[in-house]
Amino acid sequence: METRDINDAISFSGEKMRKSPIFDSDKLFYDAYCLMPGQEQKVHTHDESDKIYYVLQGAPRFTIANEEQDLGPGTAVIARAGDPHGVRNDTDENAVLLVTMAPRPA
């Protein structure tokens, strides 16, 4: 059985949002995204893959399919294949997201 302690994946970089892999396969990835105040993942798309963000800490602002919303801990949001999506941390606190994407982009 493969297990991971999510806390081991939480780390921040002053330069840019940090992505830390938790599980990785040829079918999907499951990462921790760690954003300090002012950091972001720019809006982009994946034509063949769905991405799910789960907010573990903080209250970042998500852009999904041209809608924006601040989401807090315990909330999940999906960006369906082809939907423009991104996230930014406009708060004064760090944000931690658990992110799954499938199928894994080539």
PDB file of N, CA and C in Angstrom:
ATOM      1  N   MET A   1       0.842  -1.177   0.000  1.00  0.00           N
ATOM      2  CA  MET A   1       0.000   0.000   0.000  1.00  0.00           C
ATOM      3  C   MET A   1       0.889   1.243   0.000  1.00  0.00           C
ATOM      4  N   GLU A   2       0.621   2.123  -0.922  1.00  0.00           N
ATOM      5  CA  GLU A   2       1.357   3.393  -0.960  1.00  0.00           C
ATOM      6  C   GLU A   2       0.612   4.426  -0.124  1.00  0.00           C
ATOM      7  N   THR A   3       1.321   5.066   0.780  1.00  0.00           N
ATOM      8  CA  THR A   3       0.748   6.149   1.573  1.00  0.00           C
ATOM      9  C   THR A   3       1.710   7.324   1.574  1.00  0.00           C
ATOM     10  N   ARG A   4       1.177   8.492   1.802  1.00  0.00           N
ATOM     11  CA  ARG A   4       1.990   9.705   1.898  1.00  0.00           C
ATOM     12  C   ARG A   4       1.434  10.574   3.020  1.00  0.00           C
ATOM     13  N   ASP A   5       2.310  11.255   3.712  1.00  0.00           N
ATOM     14  CA  ASP A   5       1.917  12.265   4.685  1.00  0.00           C
ATOM     15  C   ASP A   5       1.854  13.592   3.929  1.00  0.00           C
ATOM     16  N   ILE A   6       0.663  14.140   3.791  1.00  0.00           N
ATOM     17  CA  ILE A   6       0.468  15.376   3.035  1.00  0.00           C
ATOM     18  C   ILE A   6       1.348  16.494   3.591  1.00  0.00           C
ATOM     19  N   ASN A   7       1.552  16.508   4.897  1.00  0.00           N
ATOM     20  CA  ASN A   7       2.368  17.563   5.506  1.00  0.00           C
ATOM     21  C   ASN A   7       3.792  17.586   4.960  1.00  0.00           C
ATOM     22  N   ASP A   8       4.298  16.425   4.521  1.00  0.00           N
ATOM     23  CA  ASP A   8       5.650  16.371   3.952  1.00  0.00           C
ATOM     24  C   ASP A   8       5.731  17.100   2.616  1.00  0.00           C
ATOM     25  N   ALA A   9       4.592  17.272   1.941  1.00  0.00           N
ATOM     26  CA  ALA A   9       4.570  17.926   0.625  1.00  0.00           C
ATOM     27  C   ALA A   9       4.370  19.440   0.723  1.00  0.00           C
ATOM     28  N   ILE A  10       4.089  19.930   1.899  1.00  0.00           N
ATOM     29  CA  ILE A  10       3.824  21.365   2.061  1.00  0.00           C
ATOM     30  C   ILE A  10       5.128  22.112   2.267  1.00  0.00           C
ATOM     31  N   SER A  11       5.489  22.913   1.269  1.00  0.00           N
ATOM     32  CA  SER A  11       6.658  23.783   1.378  1.00  0.00           C
ATOM     33  C   SER A  11       6.457  24.952   0.424  1.00  0.00           C
ATOM     34  N   PHE A  12       7.056  26.053   0.752  1.00  0.00           N
ATOM     35  CA  PHE A  12       6.853  27.302   0.021  1.00  0.00           C
ATOM     36  C   PHE A  12       8.167  27.812  -0.549  1.00  0.00           C
ATOM     37  N   SER A  13       8.048  28.576  -1.624  1.00  0.00           N
ATOM     38  CA  SER A  13       9.195  29.224  -2.247  1.00  0.00           C
ATOM     39  C   SER A  13       8.866  30.700  -2.413  1.00  0.00           C
ATOM     40  N   GLY A  14       9.790  31.555  -2.059  1.00  0.00           N
ATOM     41  CA  GLY A  14       9.577  32.986  -2.232  1.00  0.00           C
ATOM     42  C   GLY A  14       9.566  33.415  -3.691  1.00  0.00           C
ATOM     43  N   GLU A  15      10.081  32.571  -4.583  1.00  0.00           N
ATOM     44  CA  GLU A  15      10.167  32.912  -5.999  1.00  0.00           C
ATOM     45  C   GLU A  15       8.856  32.731  -6.746  1.00  0.00           C
ATOM     46  N   LYS A  16       8.166  31.589  -6.516  1.00  0.00           N
ATOM     47  CA  LYS A  16       6.917  31.302  -7.222  1.00  0.00           C
ATOM     48  C   LYS A  16       6.170  30.195  -6.512  1.00  0.00           C
ATOM     49  N   MET A  17       4.915  29.974  -6.930  1.00  0.00           N
ATOM     50  CA  MET A  17       4.120  28.892  -6.379  1.00  0.00           C
ATOM     51  C   MET A  17       4.906  27.591  -6.481  1.00  0.00           C
ATOM     52  N   ARG A  18       4.876  26.800  -5.414  1.00  0.00           N
ATOM     53  CA  ARG A  18       5.596  25.530  -5.426  1.00  0.00           C
ATOM     54  C   ARG A  18       4.606  24.387  -5.620  1.00  0.00           C
ATOM     55  N   LYS A  19       4.931  23.493  -6.563  1.00  0.00           N
ATOM     56  CA  LYS A  19       4.180  22.261  -6.787  1.00  0.00           C
ATOM     57  C   LYS A  19       5.009  21.111  -6.229  1.00  0.00           C
ATOM     58  N   SER A  20       4.402  20.346  -5.336  1.00  0.00           N
ATOM     59  CA  SER A  20       5.094  19.198  -4.747  1.00  0.00           C
ATOM     60  C   SER A  20       4.299  17.935  -5.060  1.00  0.00           C
ATOM     61  N   PRO A  21       4.909  16.975  -5.769  1.00  0.00           N
ATOM     62  CA  PRO A  21       4.183  15.752  -6.091  1.00  0.00           C
ATOM     63  C   PRO A  21       3.907  14.908  -4.849  1.00  0.00           C
ATOM     64  N   ILE A  22       2.705  14.353  -4.803  1.00  0.00           N
ATOM     65  CA  ILE A  22       2.331  13.432  -3.730  1.00  0.00           C
ATOM     66  C   ILE A  22       2.222  12.023  -4.317  1.00  0.00           C
ATOM     67  N   PHE A  23       1.404  11.875  -5.362  1.00  0.00           N
ATOM     68  CA  PHE A  23       1.330  10.634  -6.143  1.00  0.00           C
ATOM     69  C   PHE A  23       1.445  11.014  -7.610  1.00  0.00           C
ATOM     70  N   ASP A  24       2.047  10.119  -8.378  1.00  0.00           N
ATOM     71  CA  ASP A  24       2.265  10.378  -9.795  1.00  0.00           C
ATOM     72  C   ASP A  24       2.197   9.048 -10.537  1.00  0.00           C
ATOM     73  N   SER A  25       1.450   9.040 -11.626  1.00  0.00           N
ATOM     74  CA  SER A  25       1.410   7.848 -12.473  1.00  0.00           C
ATOM     75  C   SER A  25       1.235   8.294 -13.915  1.00  0.00           C
ATOM     76  N   ASP A  26       1.206   7.332 -14.827  1.00  0.00           N
ATOM     77  CA  ASP A  26       0.996   7.702 -16.221  1.00  0.00           C
ATOM     78  C   ASP A  26      -0.462   8.078 -16.485  1.00  0.00           C
ATOM     79  N   LYS A  27      -1.357   7.883 -15.513  1.00  0.00           N
ATOM     80  CA  LYS A  27      -2.778   8.188 -15.668  1.00  0.00           C
ATOM     81  C   LYS A  27      -3.210   9.488 -14.994  1.00  0.00           C
ATOM     82  N   LEU A  28      -2.511   9.904 -13.925  1.00  0.00           N
ATOM     83  CA  LEU A  28      -2.907  11.098 -13.184  1.00  0.00           C
ATOM     84  C   LEU A  28      -1.747  11.623 -12.365  1.00  0.00           C
ATOM     85  N   PHE A  29      -1.944  12.841 -11.822  1.00  0.00           N
ATOM     86  CA  PHE A  29      -1.043  13.317 -10.776  1.00  0.00           C
ATOM     87  C   PHE A  29      -1.878  13.872  -9.634  1.00  0.00           C
ATOM     88  N   TYR A  30      -1.273  13.858  -8.457  1.00  0.00           N
ATOM     89  CA  TYR A  30      -1.886  14.378  -7.234  1.00  0.00           C
ATOM     90  C   TYR A  30      -0.786  15.168  -6.539  1.00  0.00           C
ATOM     91  N   ASP A  31      -0.926  16.499  -6.536  1.00  0.00           N
ATOM     92  CA  ASP A  31       0.120  17.392  -6.040  1.00  0.00           C
ATOM     93  C   ASP A  31      -0.397  18.297  -4.930  1.00  0.00           C
ATOM     94  N   ALA A  32       0.536  18.848  -4.176  1.00  0.00           N
ATOM     95  CA  ALA A  32       0.247  19.975  -3.285  1.00  0.00           C
ATOM     96  C   ALA A  32       0.757  21.229  -3.986  1.00  0.00           C
ATOM     97  N   TYR A  33      -0.111  22.226  -4.127  1.00  0.00           N
ATOM     98  CA  TYR A  33       0.287  23.537  -4.633  1.00  0.00           C
ATOM     99  C   TYR A  33       0.342  24.471  -3.435  1.00  0.00           C
ATOM    100  N   CYS A  34       1.467  25.124  -3.237  1.00  0.00           N
ATOM    101  CA  CYS A  34       1.678  26.000  -2.089  1.00  0.00           C
ATOM    102  C   CYS A  34       1.934  27.413  -2.586  1.00  0.00           C
ATOM    103  N   LEU A  35       1.041  28.325  -2.225  1.00  0.00           N
ATOM    104  CA  LEU A  35       1.125  29.702  -2.704  1.00  0.00           C
ATOM    105  C   LEU A  35       1.283  30.666  -1.542  1.00  0.00           C
ATOM    106  N   MET A  36       2.335  31.438  -1.588  1.00  0.00           N
ATOM    107  CA  MET A  36       2.509  32.527  -0.631  1.00  0.00           C
ATOM    108  C   MET A  36       1.670  33.709  -1.117  1.00  0.00           C
ATOM    109  N   PRO A  37       1.435  34.703  -0.257  1.00  0.00           N
ATOM    110  CA  PRO A  37       0.690  35.876  -0.695  1.00  0.00           C
ATOM    111  C   PRO A  37       1.274  36.476  -1.977  1.00  0.00           C
ATOM    112  N   GLY A  38       0.397  36.782  -2.932  1.00  0.00           N
ATOM    113  CA  GLY A  38       0.806  37.383  -4.192  1.00  0.00           C
ATOM    114  C   GLY A  38       1.190  36.393  -5.281  1.00  0.00           C
ATOM    115  N   GLN A  39       1.308  35.113  -4.960  1.00  0.00           N
ATOM    116  CA  GLN A  39       1.688  34.125  -5.967  1.00  0.00           C
ATOM    117  C   GLN A  39       0.457  33.593  -6.699  1.00  0.00           C
ATOM    118  N   GLU A  40       0.690  33.055  -7.905  1.00  0.00           N
ATOM    119  CA  GLU A  40      -0.421  32.569  -8.705  1.00  0.00           C
ATOM    120  C   GLU A  40       0.007  31.455  -9.647  1.00  0.00           C
ATOM    121  N   GLN A  41      -0.998  30.748 -10.126  1.00  0.00           N
ATOM    122  CA  GLN A  41      -0.869  29.876 -11.281  1.00  0.00           C
ATOM    123  C   GLN A  41      -1.688  30.572 -12.356  1.00  0.00           C
ATOM    124  N   LYS A  42      -1.031  31.033 -13.396  1.00  0.00           N
ATOM    125  CA  LYS A  42      -1.719  31.805 -14.428  1.00  0.00           C
ATOM    126  C   LYS A  42      -2.800  30.973 -15.108  1.00  0.00           C
ATOM    127  N   VAL A  43      -3.816  31.667 -15.605  1.00  0.00           N
ATOM    128  CA  VAL A  43      -4.922  31.009 -16.294  1.00  0.00           C
ATOM    129  C   VAL A  43      -4.392  30.308 -17.540  1.00  0.00           C
ATOM    130  N   HIS A  44      -4.782  29.054 -17.687  1.00  0.00           N
ATOM    131  CA  HIS A  44      -4.353  28.218 -18.811  1.00  0.00           C
ATOM    132  C   HIS A  44      -5.418  27.151 -19.047  1.00  0.00           C
ATOM    133  N   THR A  45      -5.228  26.303 -20.047  1.00  0.00           N
ATOM    134  CA  THR A  45      -6.192  25.236 -20.324  1.00  0.00           C
ATOM    135  C   THR A  45      -5.470  23.911 -20.560  1.00  0.00           C
ATOM    136  N   HIS A  46      -6.236  22.846 -20.399  1.00  0.00           N
ATOM    137  CA  HIS A  46      -5.814  21.492 -20.759  1.00  0.00           C
ATOM    138  C   HIS A  46      -6.966  20.907 -21.571  1.00  0.00           C
ATOM    139  N   ASP A  47      -6.736  20.659 -22.832  1.00  0.00           N
ATOM    140  CA  ASP A  47      -7.817  20.235 -23.716  1.00  0.00           C
ATOM    141  C   ASP A  47      -8.353  18.841 -23.424  1.00  0.00           C
ATOM    142  N   GLU A  48      -7.535  17.982 -22.848  1.00  0.00           N
ATOM    143  CA  GLU A  48      -7.935  16.582 -22.676  1.00  0.00           C
ATOM    144  C   GLU A  48      -8.056  16.143 -21.217  1.00  0.00           C
ATOM    145  N   SER A  49      -7.807  17.044 -20.263  1.00  0.00           N
ATOM    146  CA  SER A  49      -7.735  16.635 -18.856  1.00  0.00           C
ATOM    147  C   SER A  49      -8.618  17.493 -17.972  1.00  0.00           C
ATOM    148  N   ASP A  50      -9.194  16.861 -16.944  1.00  0.00           N
ATOM    149  CA  ASP A  50      -9.915  17.552 -15.884  1.00  0.00           C
ATOM    150  C   ASP A  50      -8.947  17.785 -14.725  1.00  0.00           C
ATOM    151  N   LYS A  51      -9.113  18.920 -14.034  1.00  0.00           N
ATOM    152  CA  LYS A  51      -8.283  19.224 -12.872  1.00  0.00           C
ATOM    153  C   LYS A  51      -9.200  19.567 -11.706  1.00  0.00           C
ATOM    154  N   ILE A  52      -8.917  18.965 -10.558  1.00  0.00           N
ATOM    155  CA  ILE A  52      -9.677  19.251  -9.336  1.00  0.00           C
ATOM    156  C   ILE A  52      -8.737  19.883  -8.324  1.00  0.00           C
ATOM    157  N   TYR A  53      -9.163  21.026  -7.789  1.00  0.00           N
ATOM    158  CA  TYR A  53      -8.446  21.710  -6.719  1.00  0.00           C
ATOM    159  C   TYR A  53      -9.241  21.517  -5.420  1.00  0.00           C
ATOM    160  N   TYR A  54      -8.559  21.189  -4.332  1.00  0.00           N
ATOM    161  CA  TYR A  54      -9.159  21.104  -3.006  1.00  0.00           C
ATOM    162  C   TYR A  54      -8.372  22.041  -2.099  1.00  0.00           C
ATOM    163  N   VAL A  55      -9.060  22.981  -1.464  1.00  0.00           N
ATOM    164  CA  VAL A  55      -8.393  23.958  -0.600  1.00  0.00           C
ATOM    165  C   VAL A  55      -8.165  23.339   0.775  1.00  0.00           C
ATOM    166  N   LEU A  56      -6.903  23.204   1.136  1.00  0.00           N
ATOM    167  CA  LEU A  56      -6.528  22.682   2.445  1.00  0.00           C
ATOM    168  C   LEU A  56      -6.331  23.821   3.434  1.00  0.00           C
ATOM    169  N   GLN A  57      -5.669  24.900   2.991  1.00  0.00           N
ATOM    170  CA  GLN A  57      -5.404  26.071   3.846  1.00  0.00           C
ATOM    171  C   GLN A  57      -5.556  27.334   3.013  1.00  0.00           C
ATOM    172  N   GLY A  58      -5.980  28.401   3.671  1.00  0.00           N
ATOM    173  CA  GLY A  58      -6.067  29.697   3.008  1.00  0.00           C
ATOM    174  C   GLY A  58      -7.392  29.905   2.300  1.00  0.00           C
ATOM    175  N   ALA A  59      -7.450  30.967   1.508  1.00  0.00           N
ATOM    176  CA  ALA A  59      -8.669  31.325   0.773  1.00  0.00           C
ATOM    177  C   ALA A  59      -8.293  31.956  -0.570  1.00  0.00           C
ATOM    178  N   PRO A  60      -7.693  31.180  -1.469  1.00  0.00           N
ATOM    179  CA  PRO A  60      -7.270  31.732  -2.754  1.00  0.00           C
ATOM    180  C   PRO A  60      -8.449  32.020  -3.675  1.00  0.00           C
ATOM    181  N   ARG A  61      -8.173  32.792  -4.716  1.00  0.00           N
ATOM    182  CA  ARG A  61      -9.173  33.135  -5.723  1.00  0.00           C
ATOM    183  C   ARG A  61      -8.954  32.257  -6.952  1.00  0.00           C
ATOM    184  N   PHE A  62     -10.001  31.566  -7.345  1.00  0.00           N
ATOM    185  CA  PHE A  62      -9.954  30.683  -8.508  1.00  0.00           C
ATOM    186  C   PHE A  62     -10.634  31.336  -9.693  1.00  0.00           C
ATOM    187  N   THR A  63     -10.066  31.112 -10.856  1.00  0.00           N
ATOM    188  CA  THR A  63     -10.707  31.449 -12.120  1.00  0.00           C
ATOM    189  C   THR A  63     -10.959  30.129 -12.827  1.00  0.00           C
ATOM    190  N   ILE A  64     -12.229  29.841 -13.085  1.00  0.00           N
ATOM    191  CA  ILE A  64     -12.615  28.634 -13.804  1.00  0.00           C
ATOM    192  C   ILE A  64     -13.650  29.044 -14.846  1.00  0.00           C
ATOM    193  N   ALA A  65     -13.349  28.790 -16.103  1.00  0.00           N
ATOM    194  CA  ALA A  65     -14.292  29.080 -17.197  1.00  0.00           C
ATOM    195  C   ALA A  65     -14.835  30.513 -17.099  1.00  0.00           C
ATOM    196  N   ASN A  66     -13.935  31.470 -16.892  1.00  0.00           N
ATOM    197  CA  ASN A  66     -14.270  32.897 -16.866  1.00  0.00           C
ATOM    198  C   ASN A  66     -15.104  33.338 -15.662  1.00  0.00           C
ATOM    199  N   GLU A  67     -15.216  32.496 -14.633  1.00  0.00           N
ATOM    200  CA  GLU A  67     -15.832  32.896 -13.365  1.00  0.00           C
ATOM    201  C   GLU A  67     -14.736  32.961 -12.321  1.00  0.00           C
ATOM    202  N   GLU A  68     -14.858  33.915 -11.383  1.00  0.00           N
ATOM    203  CA  GLU A  68     -13.894  34.030 -10.287  1.00  0.00           C
ATOM    204  C   GLU A  68     -14.614  33.884  -8.961  1.00  0.00           C
ATOM    205  N   GLN A  69     -13.938  33.180  -8.034  1.00  0.00           N
ATOM    206  CA  GLN A  69     -14.512  33.021  -6.701  1.00  0.00           C
ATOM    207  C   GLN A  69     -13.404  32.698  -5.710  1.00  0.00           C
ATOM    208  N   ASP A  70     -13.491  33.302  -4.515  1.00  0.00           N
ATOM    209  CA  ASP A  70     -12.604  32.961  -3.412  1.00  0.00           C
ATOM    210  C   ASP A  70     -13.168  31.716  -2.738  1.00  0.00           C
ATOM    211  N   LEU A  71     -12.310  30.726  -2.501  1.00  0.00           N
ATOM    212  CA  LEU A  71     -12.745  29.482  -1.868  1.00  0.00           C
ATOM    213  C   LEU A  71     -11.883  29.198  -0.653  1.00  0.00           C
ATOM    214  N   GLY A  72     -12.515  28.691   0.398  1.00  0.00           N
ATOM    215  CA  GLY A  72     -11.812  28.429   1.643  1.00  0.00           C
ATOM    216  C   GLY A  72     -11.609  26.947   1.910  1.00  0.00           C
ATOM    217  N   PRO A  73     -10.985  26.638   3.051  1.00  0.00           N
ATOM    218  CA  PRO A  73     -10.671  25.260   3.409  1.00  0.00           C
ATOM    219  C   PRO A  73     -11.897  24.350   3.354  1.00  0.00           C
ATOM    220  N   GLY A  74     -11.662  23.146   2.822  1.00  0.00           N
ATOM    221  CA  GLY A  74     -12.730  22.164   2.725  1.00  0.00           C
ATOM    222  C   GLY A  74     -13.529  22.257   1.437  1.00  0.00           C
ATOM    223  N   THR A  75     -13.186  23.203   0.563  1.00  0.00           N
ATOM    224  CA  THR A  75     -13.924  23.396  -0.686  1.00  0.00           C
ATOM    225  C   THR A  75     -13.125  22.827  -1.850  1.00  0.00           C
ATOM    226  N   ALA A  76     -13.827  22.150  -2.768  1.00  0.00           N
ATOM    227  CA  ALA A  76     -13.214  21.636  -3.985  1.00  0.00           C
ATOM    228  C   ALA A  76     -13.882  22.279  -5.187  1.00  0.00           C
ATOM    229  N   VAL A  77     -13.115  22.424  -6.265  1.00  0.00           N
ATOM    230  CA  VAL A  77     -13.641  22.973  -7.515  1.00  0.00           C
ATOM    231  C   VAL A  77     -13.003  22.204  -8.667  1.00  0.00           C
ATOM    232  N   ILE A  78     -13.769  22.017  -9.740  1.00  0.00           N
ATOM    233  CA  ILE A  78     -13.250  21.294 -10.901  1.00  0.00           C
ATOM    234  C   ILE A  78     -13.150  22.219 -12.104  1.00  0.00           C
ATOM    235  N   ALA A  79     -12.071  22.060 -12.841  1.00  0.00           N
ATOM    236  CA  ALA A  79     -11.903  22.685 -14.151  1.00  0.00           C
ATOM    237  C   ALA A  79     -11.993  21.546 -15.156  1.00  0.00           C
ATOM    238  N   ARG A  80     -13.079  21.510 -15.887  1.00  0.00           N
ATOM    239  CA  ARG A  80     -13.275  20.460 -16.885  1.00  0.00           C
ATOM    240  C   ARG A  80     -12.334  20.684 -18.065  1.00  0.00           C
ATOM    241  N   ALA A  81     -12.043  19.626 -18.783  1.00  0.00           N
ATOM    242  CA  ALA A  81     -11.168  19.716 -19.952  1.00  0.00           C
ATOM    243  C   ALA A  81     -11.608  20.869 -20.849  1.00  0.00           C
ATOM    244  N   GLY A  82     -10.672  21.708 -21.227  1.00  0.00           N
ATOM    245  CA  GLY A  82     -10.946  22.843 -22.093  1.00  0.00           C
ATOM    246  C   GLY A  82     -11.321  24.125 -21.375  1.00  0.00           C
ATOM    247  N   ASP A  83     -11.674  24.056 -20.079  1.00  0.00           N
ATOM    248  CA  ASP A  83     -12.014  25.260 -19.317  1.00  0.00           C
ATOM    249  C   ASP A  83     -10.740  26.029 -18.947  1.00  0.00           C
ATOM    250  N   PRO A  84     -10.673  27.323 -19.248  1.00  0.00           N
ATOM    251  CA  PRO A  84      -9.555  28.121 -18.736  1.00  0.00           C
ATOM    252  C   PRO A  84      -9.608  28.107 -17.203  1.00  0.00           C
ATOM    253  N   HIS A  85      -8.449  27.943 -16.563  1.00  0.00           N
ATOM    254  CA  HIS A  85      -8.430  27.890 -15.104  1.00  0.00           C
ATOM    255  C   HIS A  85      -7.088  28.373 -14.566  1.00  0.00           C
ATOM    256  N   GLY A  86      -7.142  28.876 -13.344  1.00  0.00           N
ATOM    257  CA  GLY A  86      -5.953  29.323 -12.643  1.00  0.00           C
ATOM    258  C   GLY A  86      -6.332  29.697 -11.222  1.00  0.00           C
ATOM    259  N   VAL A  87      -5.323  30.017 -10.424  1.00  0.00           N
ATOM    260  CA  VAL A  87      -5.559  30.360  -9.027  1.00  0.00           C
ATOM    261  C   VAL A  87      -4.524  31.388  -8.597  1.00  0.00           C
ATOM    262  N   ARG A  88      -4.938  32.307  -7.745  1.00  0.00           N
ATOM    263  CA  ARG A  88      -3.992  33.277  -7.199  1.00  0.00           C
ATOM    264  C   ARG A  88      -4.324  33.517  -5.727  1.00  0.00           C
ATOM    265  N   ASN A  89      -3.286  33.846  -4.991  1.00  0.00           N
ATOM    266  CA  ASN A  89      -3.438  34.101  -3.559  1.00  0.00           C
ATOM    267  C   ASN A  89      -3.336  35.600  -3.328  1.00  0.00           C
ATOM    268  N   ASP A  90      -4.489  36.249  -3.216  1.00  0.00           N
ATOM    269  CA  ASP A  90      -4.545  37.690  -2.974  1.00  0.00           C
ATOM    270  C   ASP A  90      -4.629  38.023  -1.487  1.00  0.00           C
ATOM    271  N   THR A  91      -4.512  37.021  -0.625  1.00  0.00           N
ATOM    272  CA  THR A  91      -4.643  37.243   0.812  1.00  0.00           C
ATOM    273  C   THR A  91      -3.273  37.483   1.443  1.00  0.00           C
ATOM    274  N   ASP A  92      -3.278  37.709   2.748  1.00  0.00           N
ATOM    275  CA  ASP A  92      -2.035  37.891   3.500  1.00  0.00           C
ATOM    276  C   ASP A  92      -1.546  36.587   4.126  1.00  0.00           C
ATOM    277  N   GLU A  93      -2.228  35.478   3.840  1.00  0.00           N
ATOM    278  CA  GLU A  93      -1.870  34.188   4.417  1.00  0.00           C
ATOM    279  C   GLU A  93      -1.461  33.207   3.319  1.00  0.00           C
ATOM    280  N   ASN A  94      -0.650  32.225   3.672  1.00  0.00           N
ATOM    281  CA  ASN A  94      -0.293  31.179   2.727  1.00  0.00           C
ATOM    282  C   ASN A  94      -1.523  30.346   2.368  1.00  0.00           C
ATOM    283  N   ALA A  95      -1.491  29.754   1.179  1.00  0.00           N
ATOM    284  CA  ALA A  95      -2.555  28.866   0.731  1.00  0.00           C
ATOM    285  C   ALA A  95      -1.947  27.531   0.313  1.00  0.00           C
ATOM    286  N   VAL A  96      -2.656  26.447   0.645  1.00  0.00           N
ATOM    287  CA  VAL A  96      -2.230  25.107   0.255  1.00  0.00           C
ATOM    288  C   VAL A  96      -3.418  24.419  -0.412  1.00  0.00           C
ATOM    289  N   LEU A  97      -3.161  23.877  -1.604  1.00  0.00           N
ATOM    290  CA  LEU A  97      -4.185  23.190  -2.381  1.00  0.00           C
ATOM    291  C   LEU A  97      -3.732  21.774  -2.666  1.00  0.00           C
ATOM    292  N   LEU A  98      -4.660  20.840  -2.670  1.00  0.00           N
ATOM    293  CA  LEU A  98      -4.397  19.500  -3.174  1.00  0.00           C
ATOM    294  C   LEU A  98      -4.996  19.455  -4.576  1.00  0.00           C
ATOM    295  N   VAL A  99      -4.219  19.026  -5.552  1.00  0.00           N
ATOM    296  CA  VAL A  99      -4.612  19.123  -6.953  1.00  0.00           C
ATOM    297  C   VAL A  99      -4.448  17.768  -7.636  1.00  0.00           C
ATOM    298  N   THR A 100      -5.526  17.333  -8.284  1.00  0.00           N
ATOM    299  CA  THR A 100      -5.523  16.101  -9.053  1.00  0.00           C
ATOM    300  C   THR A 100      -5.857  16.418 -10.496  1.00  0.00           C
ATOM    301  N   MET A 101      -5.152  15.777 -11.412  1.00  0.00           N
ATOM    302  CA  MET A 101      -5.455  15.966 -12.829  1.00  0.00           C
ATOM    303  C   MET A 101      -5.417  14.612 -13.531  1.00  0.00           C
ATOM    304  N   ALA A 102      -6.479  14.365 -14.318  1.00  0.00           N
ATOM    305  CA  ALA A 102      -6.567  13.113 -15.068  1.00  0.00           C
ATOM    306  C   ALA A 102      -7.379  13.348 -16.343  1.00  0.00           C
ATOM    307  N   PRO A 103      -7.031  12.697 -17.430  1.00  0.00           N
ATOM    308  CA  PRO A 103      -5.785  11.953 -17.534  1.00  0.00           C
ATOM    309  C   PRO A 103      -4.590  12.890 -17.488  1.00  0.00           C
ATOM    310  N   ARG A 104      -3.488  12.342 -17.107  1.00  0.00           N
ATOM    311  CA  ARG A 104      -2.261  13.130 -17.007  1.00  0.00           C
ATOM    312  C   ARG A 104      -1.917  13.693 -18.390  1.00  0.00           C
ATOM    313  N   PRO A 105      -1.618  14.996 -18.471  1.00  0.00           N
ATOM    314  CA  PRO A 105      -1.269  15.563 -19.775  1.00  0.00           C
ATOM    315  C   PRO A 105       0.032  14.980 -20.309  1.00  0.00           C
ATOM    316  N   ALA A 106       0.108  14.879 -21.615  1.00  0.00           N
ATOM    317  CA  ALA A 106       1.297  14.298 -22.254  1.00  0.00           C
ATOM    318  C   ALA A 106       2.489  15.222 -22.161  1.00  0.00           C
TER     319      ALA A 106
END
